[in-house]
Amino acid sequence: MAGAAGREQRRLITSTLDSAQEQLLQLPGVHSGPTADVARRLLRGLGHSADLIENTWKRTALAAVNGGVPLKEVARWADMPVEVLRKMLTTGGREDGG
């Protein structure tokens, strides 16, 4: 993902997940019973999918750096500061606040 396209895709994914969560919370009976079970499973699935997407882009960024692409270039593709990307790739940590 490069620059604006990457930002737009991340924004769309985040917006879709937020919308799904909001809709689930508005369902009648969402706090107990079968609807609550389905809602919990769906939210867990959505969270897991988001984690897989994040892990995939991190692995892709790491493979690019290991393959010789300069970190600065990979950071530009990921649309994030070089130091944030370096920390994420070397510690496996997440950016503060998200």
Protein backbone atom coordinates (compact mmCIF):
# COMPACT_ATOMS: atom_id res chain seq x y z
CA MET A 1 0.00 0.00 0.00
CA ALA A 2 1.40 3.33 -0.92
CA GLY A 3 0.71 6.68 0.71
CA ALA A 4 -2.84 7.95 0.29
CA ALA A 5 -4.15 4.61 -1.00
CA GLY A 6 -2.85 2.84 2.12
CA ARG A 7 -4.33 5.47 4.42
CA GLU A 8 -7.67 5.22 2.64
CA GLN A 9 -7.73 1.42 2.87
CA ARG A 10 -6.88 1.48 6.59
CA ARG A 11 -9.54 4.14 7.15
CA LEU A 12 -12.11 2.06 5.27
CA ILE A 13 -11.29 -1.12 7.23
CA THR A 14 -11.43 0.74 10.54
CA SER A 15 -14.69 2.44 9.60
CA THR A 16 -16.25 -0.87 8.54
CA LEU A 17 -15.22 -2.57 11.79
CA ASP A 18 -16.53 0.35 13.86
CA SER A 19 -19.82 0.31 11.94
CA ALA A 20 -20.24 -3.45 12.42
CA GLN A 21 -19.61 -3.12 16.14
CA GLU A 22 -22.08 -0.23 16.42
CA GLN A 23 -24.77 -2.20 14.56
CA LEU A 24 -24.24 -5.26 16.73
CA LEU A 25 -24.58 -3.23 19.91
CA GLN A 26 -27.93 -1.89 18.69
CA LEU A 27 -29.46 -5.33 18.10
CA PRO A 28 -32.28 -6.27 20.46
CA GLY A 29 -31.10 -8.85 22.99
CA VAL A 30 -27.43 -8.23 22.25
CA HIS A 31 -26.52 -8.22 25.93
CA SER A 32 -27.84 -11.71 26.68
CA GLY A 33 -28.96 -14.90 25.02
CA PRO A 34 -28.27 -16.24 21.52
CA THR A 35 -27.92 -12.79 19.94
CA ALA A 36 -25.21 -11.91 22.43
CA ASP A 37 -23.36 -15.13 21.64
CA VAL A 38 -23.48 -14.44 17.91
CA ALA A 39 -22.42 -10.83 18.45
CA ARG A 40 -19.47 -11.90 20.60
CA ARG A 41 -18.36 -14.48 18.04
CA LEU A 42 -18.66 -11.97 15.21
CA LEU A 43 -16.71 -9.31 17.09
CA ARG A 44 -14.01 -11.84 17.99
CA GLY A 45 -13.83 -12.84 14.32
CA LEU A 46 -13.58 -9.23 13.21
CA GLY A 47 -10.86 -8.57 15.77
CA HIS A 48 -8.98 -11.66 14.65
CA SER A 49 -9.27 -10.56 11.01
CA ALA A 50 -7.90 -7.12 11.88
CA ASP A 51 -4.96 -8.77 13.68
CA LEU A 52 -4.26 -10.95 10.64
CA ILE A 53 -4.25 -7.91 8.37
CA GLU A 54 -1.86 -6.08 10.70
CA ASN A 55 0.45 -9.10 10.95
CA THR A 56 0.45 -9.48 7.17
CA TRP A 57 1.54 -5.91 6.49
CA LYS A 58 4.19 -6.15 9.22
CA ARG A 59 5.58 -9.36 7.70
CA THR A 60 5.52 -7.78 4.25
CA ALA A 61 7.37 -4.71 5.54
CA LEU A 62 9.93 -6.89 7.33
CA ALA A 63 10.46 -9.02 4.21
CA ALA A 64 10.99 -5.88 2.14
CA VAL A 65 13.57 -4.52 4.61
CA ASN A 66 15.29 -7.91 4.85
CA GLY A 67 15.28 -8.05 1.06
CA GLY A 68 17.24 -4.82 0.85
CA VAL A 69 14.56 -2.15 0.47
CA PRO A 70 15.62 0.84 2.59
CA LEU A 71 13.58 1.27 5.78
CA LYS A 72 12.82 4.85 4.75
CA GLU A 73 11.18 3.61 1.55
CA VAL A 74 9.15 0.93 3.35
CA ALA A 75 8.03 3.55 5.89
CA ARG A 76 6.86 5.73 3.01
CA TRP A 77 4.88 2.79 1.57
CA ALA A 78 3.33 2.14 4.99
CA ASP A 79 2.70 5.86 5.43
CA MET A 80 4.31 6.05 8.86
CA PRO A 81 7.39 7.64 10.42
CA VAL A 82 10.61 5.64 10.02
CA GLU A 83 11.20 5.42 13.77
CA VAL A 84 7.69 4.07 14.43
CA LEU A 85 8.14 1.42 11.74
CA ARG A 86 11.61 0.52 13.04
CA LYS A 87 10.22 0.03 16.55
CA MET A 88 7.31 -2.07 15.30
CA LEU A 89 9.58 -4.30 13.23
CA THR A 90 12.31 -4.74 15.84
CA THR A 91 10.16 -5.19 18.94
CA GLY A 92 7.01 -6.62 17.40
CA GLY A 93 5.17 -3.99 19.41
CA ARG A 94 2.24 -1.87 18.45
CA GLU A 95 2.16 1.82 17.92
CA ASP A 96 0.91 3.60 21.06
CA GLY A 97 -2.78 4.33 20.87
CA GLY A 98 -3.61 1.81 18.21
